[in-house]
Amino acid sequence: MTFELNAGKLLGMFAPLWLLLGVSLAVNPDAWRDDPWSFTWVAMTPLAATGVLWLFGRRRWRLELTPDAMIHHTLGRTEVFAWSRMGPIGVASVPGLDLVMPSTLHFAYAGEGVEGMAGKAIGRRLLTVFGDGGAKRLVRHIDDYRRLHGV
């Protein structure tokens, strides 16, 4: 089962930038009026980045479920989380940014080495920018998949 990158959820990651841009425009409108290209550049960069990532990285940046593991494919690497080492998955917000940032999948993961010890103690997080439903629906799909395969 594969959950591909969702462009709308990815665009939501840039909400803090637009929020700060709106505050800056309200506080100092003269500077933005004098240089409208800067405003356009700053406002359009997230749209362009999302478009490029969706067009060229949509198939590469995905979450894949296999009978043995949950595989997180990113643009730069692939992380494999074996079901046998993974605790229950929950939805958590990013501390301090829960109003404007997307939520994350949060789970304990007892991997290998120092990273595994830290993963067991503080847990691992994956952005919920995958699939068409919300974060809780994604967790339900993952839990159903784990039950189906007896892990």
N, C-alpha and C. Protein backbone atom coordinates (compact mmCIF):
# COMPACT_ATOMS: atom_id res chain seq x y z
N MET A 1 0.86 -1.16 0.00
CA MET A 1 0.00 0.00 0.00
C MET A 1 0.91 1.22 0.00
N THR A 2 0.60 2.19 -0.83
CA THR A 2 1.44 3.39 -0.96
C THR A 2 0.59 4.64 -0.81
N PHE A 3 1.11 5.59 -0.05
CA PHE A 3 0.49 6.90 0.10
C PHE A 3 1.43 7.92 -0.51
N GLU A 4 0.99 8.57 -1.58
CA GLU A 4 1.84 9.54 -2.28
C GLU A 4 1.73 10.92 -1.65
N LEU A 5 2.67 11.77 -2.01
CA LEU A 5 2.71 13.15 -1.55
C LEU A 5 1.45 13.89 -1.97
N ASN A 6 0.86 14.64 -1.05
CA ASN A 6 -0.34 15.42 -1.32
C ASN A 6 0.08 16.89 -1.42
N ALA A 7 -0.14 17.51 -2.57
CA ALA A 7 0.31 18.88 -2.80
C ALA A 7 -0.37 19.88 -1.86
N GLY A 8 -1.63 19.67 -1.54
CA GLY A 8 -2.34 20.58 -0.63
C GLY A 8 -1.75 20.54 0.77
N LYS A 9 -1.41 19.36 1.23
CA LYS A 9 -0.80 19.23 2.56
C LYS A 9 0.61 19.82 2.56
N LEU A 10 1.33 19.63 1.47
CA LEU A 10 2.67 20.20 1.37
C LEU A 10 2.60 21.73 1.37
N LEU A 11 1.64 22.27 0.67
CA LEU A 11 1.47 23.72 0.64
C LEU A 11 1.13 24.26 2.03
N GLY A 12 0.41 23.48 2.82
CA GLY A 12 0.09 23.89 4.19
C GLY A 12 1.31 24.06 5.06
N MET A 13 2.42 23.41 4.71
CA MET A 13 3.65 23.58 5.48
C MET A 13 4.18 25.00 5.39
N PHE A 14 3.81 25.72 4.34
CA PHE A 14 4.31 27.08 4.15
C PHE A 14 3.40 28.13 4.78
N ALA A 15 2.37 27.71 5.47
CA ALA A 15 1.43 28.65 6.10
C ALA A 15 2.13 29.64 7.04
N PRO A 16 3.13 29.23 7.83
CA PRO A 16 3.80 30.21 8.69
C PRO A 16 4.47 31.34 7.90
N LEU A 17 5.01 31.02 6.73
CA LEU A 17 5.64 32.05 5.91
C LEU A 17 4.61 33.08 5.47
N TRP A 18 3.45 32.61 5.01
CA TRP A 18 2.42 33.55 4.57
C TRP A 18 1.85 34.34 5.74
N LEU A 19 1.77 33.73 6.90
CA LEU A 19 1.32 34.43 8.09
C LEU A 19 2.28 35.56 8.44
N LEU A 20 3.56 35.27 8.44
CA LEU A 20 4.57 36.31 8.70
C LEU A 20 4.58 37.37 7.61
N LEU A 21 4.37 36.96 6.39
CA LEU A 21 4.31 37.91 5.28
C LEU A 21 3.12 38.86 5.44
N GLY A 22 1.99 38.35 5.88
CA GLY A 22 0.82 39.19 6.13
C GLY A 22 1.06 40.17 7.26
N VAL A 23 1.71 39.72 8.32
CA VAL A 23 2.03 40.62 9.43
C VAL A 23 3.00 41.70 8.96
N SER A 24 3.99 41.31 8.19
CA SER A 24 4.96 42.28 7.67
C SER A 24 4.28 43.31 6.77
N LEU A 25 3.35 42.86 5.96
CA LEU A 25 2.62 43.77 5.08
C LEU A 25 1.76 44.74 5.88
N ALA A 26 1.16 44.25 6.97
CA ALA A 26 0.33 45.12 7.82
C ALA A 26 1.17 46.13 8.60
N VAL A 27 2.34 45.71 9.06
CA VAL A 27 3.18 46.57 9.89
C VAL A 27 3.95 47.58 9.05
N ASN A 28 4.44 47.16 7.89
CA ASN A 28 5.29 48.02 7.08
C ASN A 28 4.86 47.98 5.61
N PRO A 29 3.68 48.54 5.30
CA PRO A 29 3.18 48.44 3.92
C PRO A 29 3.98 49.27 2.92
N ASP A 30 4.62 50.34 3.38
CA ASP A 30 5.37 51.19 2.45
C ASP A 30 6.54 50.46 1.81
N ALA A 31 7.24 49.67 2.60
CA ALA A 31 8.38 48.93 2.05
C ALA A 31 7.94 47.94 0.99
N TRP A 32 6.80 47.29 1.20
CA TRP A 32 6.32 46.33 0.22
C TRP A 32 5.75 47.03 -1.01
N ARG A 33 5.17 48.21 -0.81
CA ARG A 33 4.63 48.97 -1.94
C ARG A 33 5.77 49.50 -2.82
N ASP A 34 6.88 49.87 -2.20
CA ASP A 34 8.02 50.38 -2.97
C ASP A 34 8.72 49.29 -3.76
N ASP A 35 8.68 48.08 -3.30
CA ASP A 35 9.34 46.97 -3.98
C ASP A 35 8.38 45.78 -4.11
N PRO A 36 7.40 45.87 -5.02
CA PRO A 36 6.40 44.80 -5.12
C PRO A 36 6.98 43.47 -5.62
N TRP A 37 8.10 43.51 -6.33
CA TRP A 37 8.69 42.26 -6.81
C TRP A 37 9.18 41.40 -5.66
N SER A 38 9.67 42.03 -4.60
CA SER A 38 10.11 41.25 -3.43
C SER A 38 8.92 40.54 -2.80
N PHE A 39 7.80 41.25 -2.68
CA PHE A 39 6.59 40.64 -2.12
C PHE A 39 6.15 39.46 -2.98
N THR A 40 6.13 39.66 -4.30
CA THR A 40 5.73 38.61 -5.21
C THR A 40 6.67 37.41 -5.12
N TRP A 41 7.97 37.67 -5.07
CA TRP A 41 8.97 36.61 -4.98
C TRP A 41 8.78 35.78 -3.71
N VAL A 42 8.61 36.46 -2.58
CA VAL A 42 8.45 35.77 -1.30
C VAL A 42 7.14 34.99 -1.27
N ALA A 43 6.07 35.58 -1.77
CA ALA A 43 4.76 34.92 -1.72
C ALA A 43 4.67 33.75 -2.70
N MET A 44 5.34 33.84 -3.84
CA MET A 44 5.21 32.80 -4.86
C MET A 44 6.21 31.65 -4.70
N THR A 45 7.27 31.85 -3.94
CA THR A 45 8.26 30.79 -3.77
C THR A 45 7.65 29.49 -3.23
N PRO A 46 6.81 29.54 -2.19
CA PRO A 46 6.19 28.28 -1.72
C PRO A 46 5.32 27.61 -2.78
N LEU A 47 4.60 28.42 -3.56
CA LEU A 47 3.77 27.83 -4.62
C LEU A 47 4.64 27.14 -5.67
N ALA A 48 5.73 27.80 -6.05
CA ALA A 48 6.63 27.21 -7.04
C ALA A 48 7.30 25.95 -6.48
N ALA A 49 7.75 26.01 -5.23
CA ALA A 49 8.41 24.85 -4.62
C ALA A 49 7.44 23.67 -4.53
N THR A 50 6.21 23.94 -4.13
CA THR A 50 5.22 22.88 -4.04
C THR A 50 4.93 22.29 -5.41
N GLY A 51 4.80 23.14 -6.41
CA GLY A 51 4.55 22.66 -7.76
C GLY A 51 5.68 21.78 -8.28
N VAL A 52 6.91 22.21 -8.07
CA VAL A 52 8.06 21.42 -8.53
C VAL A 52 8.14 20.09 -7.78
N LEU A 53 7.96 20.13 -6.45
CA LEU A 53 8.00 18.89 -5.67
C LEU A 53 6.88 17.94 -6.07
N TRP A 54 5.70 18.50 -6.32
CA TRP A 54 4.58 17.64 -6.69
C TRP A 54 4.79 17.03 -8.08
N LEU A 55 5.30 17.84 -9.01
CA LEU A 55 5.50 17.33 -10.37
C LEU A 55 6.63 16.31 -10.45
N PHE A 56 7.76 16.62 -9.79
CA PHE A 56 8.93 15.79 -9.97
C PHE A 56 9.24 14.87 -8.79
N GLY A 57 8.67 15.14 -7.62
CA GLY A 57 8.99 14.34 -6.46
C GLY A 57 7.83 13.55 -5.90
N ARG A 58 6.67 13.67 -6.53
CA ARG A 58 5.47 13.03 -6.00
C ARG A 58 5.63 11.52 -5.88
N ARG A 59 6.21 10.90 -6.86
CA ARG A 59 6.38 9.45 -6.82
C ARG A 59 7.58 9.04 -5.94
N ARG A 60 8.52 9.95 -5.76
CA ARG A 60 9.70 9.63 -4.96
C ARG A 60 9.44 9.83 -3.47
N TRP A 61 8.73 10.90 -3.09
CA TRP A 61 8.47 11.20 -1.68
C TRP A 61 7.12 10.57 -1.34
N ARG A 62 7.16 9.42 -0.68
CA ARG A 62 5.94 8.70 -0.40
C ARG A 62 6.12 7.83 0.84
N LEU A 63 5.01 7.31 1.32
CA LEU A 63 4.99 6.40 2.46
C LEU A 63 4.47 5.07 1.95
N GLU A 64 5.24 4.02 2.14
CA GLU A 64 4.89 2.71 1.61
C GLU A 64 4.76 1.72 2.77
N LEU A 65 3.72 0.93 2.74
CA LEU A 65 3.50 -0.10 3.75
C LEU A 65 3.73 -1.46 3.12
N THR A 66 4.58 -2.26 3.76
CA THR A 66 4.83 -3.62 3.32
C THR A 66 4.52 -4.54 4.49
N PRO A 67 4.40 -5.84 4.28
CA PRO A 67 4.12 -6.74 5.41
C PRO A 67 5.20 -6.70 6.50
N ASP A 68 6.42 -6.31 6.16
CA ASP A 68 7.51 -6.30 7.13
C ASP A 68 7.80 -4.94 7.74
N ALA A 69 7.49 -3.85 7.01
CA ALA A 69 7.94 -2.54 7.47
C ALA A 69 7.13 -1.41 6.85
N MET A 70 7.27 -0.25 7.47
CA MET A 70 6.77 1.00 6.89
C MET A 70 8.00 1.69 6.31
N ILE A 71 7.93 2.03 5.03
CA ILE A 71 9.07 2.61 4.34
C ILE A 71 8.74 4.05 3.99
N HIS A 72 9.59 4.97 4.44
CA HIS A 72 9.43 6.40 4.20
C HIS A 72 10.46 6.81 3.14
N HIS A 73 9.98 7.00 1.91
CA HIS A 73 10.85 7.43 0.82
C HIS A 73 10.86 8.96 0.82
N THR A 74 12.04 9.55 0.91
CA THR A 74 12.17 11.00 0.81
C THR A 74 12.93 11.31 -0.47
N LEU A 75 13.16 12.57 -0.73
CA LEU A 75 13.89 12.93 -1.94
C LEU A 75 15.36 12.53 -1.85
N GLY A 76 15.90 12.45 -0.63
CA GLY A 76 17.31 12.16 -0.48
C GLY A 76 17.65 10.78 0.02
N ARG A 77 16.73 10.12 0.70
CA ARG A 77 17.04 8.80 1.26
C ARG A 77 15.75 8.02 1.51
N THR A 78 15.94 6.79 1.94
CA THR A 78 14.82 5.92 2.28
C THR A 78 15.01 5.42 3.70
N GLU A 79 13.98 5.58 4.53
CA GLU A 79 14.01 5.09 5.90
C GLU A 79 13.08 3.89 6.00
N VAL A 80 13.57 2.82 6.59
CA VAL A 80 12.79 1.61 6.75
C VAL A 80 12.54 1.41 8.24
N PHE A 81 11.26 1.36 8.62
CA PHE A 81 10.86 1.15 10.01
C PHE A 81 10.19 -0.21 10.12
N ALA A 82 10.92 -1.18 10.66
CA ALA A 82 10.37 -2.53 10.81
C ALA A 82 9.21 -2.51 11.80
N TRP A 83 8.14 -3.20 11.46
CA TRP A 83 6.97 -3.24 12.33
C TRP A 83 7.32 -3.81 13.70
N SER A 84 8.24 -4.77 13.73
CA SER A 84 8.59 -5.44 14.99
C SER A 84 9.29 -4.51 15.98
N ARG A 85 9.87 -3.44 15.50
CA ARG A 85 10.57 -2.49 16.37
C ARG A 85 9.76 -1.22 16.63
N MET A 86 8.59 -1.14 16.03
CA MET A 86 7.79 0.09 16.09
C MET A 86 6.68 -0.03 17.11
N GLY A 87 6.51 1.03 17.88
CA GLY A 87 5.40 1.10 18.83
C GLY A 87 4.14 1.56 18.12
N PRO A 88 3.07 1.80 18.89
CA PRO A 88 1.83 2.28 18.27
C PRO A 88 2.03 3.67 17.66
N ILE A 89 1.31 3.91 16.58
CA ILE A 89 1.42 5.18 15.87
C ILE A 89 0.29 6.10 16.32
N GLY A 90 0.63 7.34 16.58
CA GLY A 90 -0.35 8.34 16.95
C GLY A 90 -0.15 9.60 16.14
N VAL A 91 -1.08 10.52 16.26
CA VAL A 91 -0.98 11.81 15.59
C VAL A 91 -0.58 12.84 16.63
N ALA A 92 0.45 13.59 16.33
CA ALA A 92 0.92 14.63 17.24
C ALA A 92 1.18 15.90 16.44
N SER A 93 1.02 17.02 17.09
CA SER A 93 1.33 18.28 16.42
C SER A 93 2.78 18.62 16.67
N VAL A 94 3.31 19.52 15.87
CA VAL A 94 4.67 19.98 16.07
C VAL A 94 4.64 20.95 17.24
N PRO A 95 5.42 20.70 18.30
CA PRO A 95 5.36 21.56 19.48
C PRO A 95 5.62 23.03 19.12
N GLY A 96 4.71 23.88 19.56
CA GLY A 96 4.83 25.31 19.33
C GLY A 96 4.25 25.79 18.01
N LEU A 97 4.00 24.87 17.09
CA LEU A 97 3.50 25.27 15.78
C LEU A 97 2.20 24.56 15.42
N ASP A 98 1.45 24.10 16.43
CA ASP A 98 0.29 23.28 16.16
C ASP A 98 -0.86 24.00 15.48
N LEU A 99 -0.88 25.32 15.45
CA LEU A 99 -1.99 26.00 14.78
C LEU A 99 -1.77 26.15 13.28
N VAL A 100 -0.51 26.22 12.85
CA VAL A 100 -0.26 26.50 11.44
C VAL A 100 0.48 25.40 10.70
N MET A 101 1.06 24.47 11.40
CA MET A 101 1.83 23.42 10.74
C MET A 101 1.00 22.14 10.66
N PRO A 102 1.32 21.29 9.69
CA PRO A 102 0.63 20.00 9.64
C PRO A 102 1.06 19.13 10.81
N SER A 103 0.25 18.17 11.11
CA SER A 103 0.58 17.26 12.21
C SER A 103 1.61 16.24 11.73
N THR A 104 2.04 15.42 12.67
CA THR A 104 3.03 14.40 12.34
C THR A 104 2.54 13.04 12.84
N LEU A 105 3.06 11.99 12.22
CA LEU A 105 2.90 10.65 12.75
C LEU A 105 3.99 10.48 13.80
N HIS A 106 3.61 10.10 15.00
CA HIS A 106 4.58 9.99 16.09
C HIS A 106 4.55 8.56 16.61
N PHE A 107 5.74 7.95 16.73
CA PHE A 107 5.81 6.58 17.21
C PHE A 107 7.19 6.32 17.81
N ALA A 108 7.23 5.39 18.75
CA ALA A 108 8.51 4.95 19.30
C ALA A 108 9.12 3.95 18.33
N TYR A 109 10.43 4.04 18.15
CA TYR A 109 11.09 3.11 17.24
C TYR A 109 12.44 2.73 17.81
N ALA A 110 12.60 1.48 18.14
CA ALA A 110 13.85 0.98 18.71
C ALA A 110 14.74 0.47 17.59
N GLY A 111 15.40 1.39 16.91
CA GLY A 111 16.28 1.02 15.81
C GLY A 111 17.66 0.65 16.31
N GLU A 112 18.64 0.76 15.43
CA GLU A 112 20.01 0.39 15.77
C GLU A 112 20.83 1.63 16.10
N GLY A 113 21.83 1.47 16.97
CA GLY A 113 22.78 2.54 17.27
C GLY A 113 22.18 3.66 18.09
N VAL A 114 22.87 4.79 18.06
CA VAL A 114 22.46 5.96 18.84
C VAL A 114 21.11 6.49 18.37
N GLU A 115 20.90 6.51 17.06
CA GLU A 115 19.63 6.99 16.53
C GLU A 115 18.47 6.11 17.01
N GLY A 116 18.70 4.82 17.13
CA GLY A 116 17.68 3.90 17.63
C GLY A 116 17.37 4.13 19.09
N MET A 117 18.41 4.41 19.89
CA MET A 117 18.17 4.69 21.31
C MET A 117 17.37 5.97 21.48
N ALA A 118 17.71 6.97 20.69
CA ALA A 118 16.97 8.23 20.76
C ALA A 118 15.54 8.03 20.27
N GLY A 119 15.37 7.22 19.23
CA GLY A 119 14.04 6.93 18.70
C GLY A 119 13.17 6.21 19.70
N LYS A 120 13.78 5.36 20.51
CA LYS A 120 13.01 4.64 21.53
C LYS A 120 12.63 5.58 22.67
N ALA A 121 13.54 6.50 23.02
CA ALA A 121 13.29 7.41 24.14
C ALA A 121 12.33 8.55 23.78
N ILE A 122 12.58 9.22 22.67
CA ILE A 122 11.76 10.40 22.34
C ILE A 122 10.81 10.15 21.17
N GLY A 123 11.01 9.08 20.45
CA GLY A 123 10.12 8.74 19.34
C GLY A 123 10.59 9.32 18.02
N ARG A 124 9.93 8.92 16.98
CA ARG A 124 10.20 9.40 15.63
C ARG A 124 8.97 10.12 15.12
N ARG A 125 9.18 11.05 14.22
CA ARG A 125 8.08 11.82 13.63
C ARG A 125 8.22 11.83 12.11
N LEU A 126 7.08 11.70 11.44
CA LEU A 126 7.01 11.85 10.00
C LEU A 126 5.89 12.83 9.69
N LEU A 127 6.14 13.79 8.83
CA LEU A 127 5.09 14.73 8.46
C LEU A 127 3.95 14.00 7.77
N THR A 128 2.75 14.43 8.04
CA THR A 128 1.58 13.80 7.42
C THR A 128 1.20 14.53 6.14
N VAL A 129 2.09 14.49 5.18
CA VAL A 129 1.85 15.12 3.88
C VAL A 129 1.51 14.06 2.82
N PHE A 130 1.06 12.89 3.28
CA PHE A 130 0.78 11.78 2.38
C PHE A 130 -0.70 11.44 2.39
N GLY A 131 -1.19 10.98 1.28
CA GLY A 131 -2.56 10.50 1.18
C GLY A 131 -3.56 11.63 1.02
N ASP A 132 -4.79 11.23 0.77
CA ASP A 132 -5.85 12.20 0.50
C ASP A 132 -6.64 12.58 1.74
N GLY A 133 -6.65 11.76 2.77
CA GLY A 133 -7.42 12.05 3.97
C GLY A 133 -6.58 12.79 5.00
N GLY A 134 -7.16 12.98 6.15
CA GLY A 134 -6.47 13.63 7.25
C GLY A 134 -5.49 12.69 7.93
N ALA A 135 -4.80 13.22 8.92
CA ALA A 135 -3.78 12.46 9.64
C ALA A 135 -4.38 11.27 10.38
N LYS A 136 -5.52 11.48 11.01
CA LYS A 136 -6.15 10.38 11.76
C LYS A 136 -6.60 9.26 10.82
N ARG A 137 -7.04 9.63 9.64
CA ARG A 137 -7.44 8.62 8.65
C ARG A 137 -6.22 7.83 8.18
N LEU A 138 -5.09 8.51 8.02
CA LEU A 138 -3.86 7.83 7.64
C LEU A 138 -3.43 6.83 8.72
N VAL A 139 -3.55 7.22 9.98
CA VAL A 139 -3.21 6.32 11.08
C VAL A 139 -4.15 5.12 11.09
N ARG A 140 -5.44 5.34 10.82
CA ARG A 140 -6.38 4.22 10.75
C ARG A 140 -5.99 3.24 9.64
N HIS A 141 -5.60 3.78 8.48
CA HIS A 141 -5.16 2.91 7.38
C HIS A 141 -3.93 2.09 7.79
N ILE A 142 -2.97 2.74 8.44
CA ILE A 142 -1.75 2.04 8.87
C ILE A 142 -2.09 0.98 9.91
N ASP A 143 -2.93 1.32 10.90
CA ASP A 143 -3.32 0.35 11.92
C ASP A 143 -4.07 -0.83 11.32
N ASP A 144 -4.97 -0.55 10.38
CA ASP A 144 -5.70 -1.62 9.70
C ASP A 144 -4.74 -2.53 8.93
N TYR A 145 -3.76 -1.93 8.28
CA TYR A 145 -2.77 -2.71 7.54
C TYR A 145 -1.96 -3.59 8.48
N ARG A 146 -1.56 -3.03 9.63
CA ARG A 146 -0.79 -3.82 10.60
C ARG A 146 -1.62 -4.98 11.14
N ARG A 147 -2.90 -4.74 11.43
CA ARG A 147 -3.77 -5.82 11.92
C ARG A 147 -3.97 -6.88 10.84
N LEU A 148 -4.14 -6.45 9.61
CA LEU A 148 -4.35 -7.38 8.50
C LEU A 148 -3.16 -8.33 8.33
N HIS A 149 -1.97 -7.81 8.55
CA HIS A 149 -0.76 -8.62 8.37
C HIS A 149 -0.23 -9.19 9.68
N GLY A 150 -0.99 -9.00 10.78
CA GLY A 150 -0.63 -9.60 12.04
C GLY A 150 0.63 -9.06 12.70
N VAL A 151 0.88 -7.78 12.51
CA VAL A 151 2.06 -7.17 13.15
C VAL A 151 1.66 -6.08 14.11
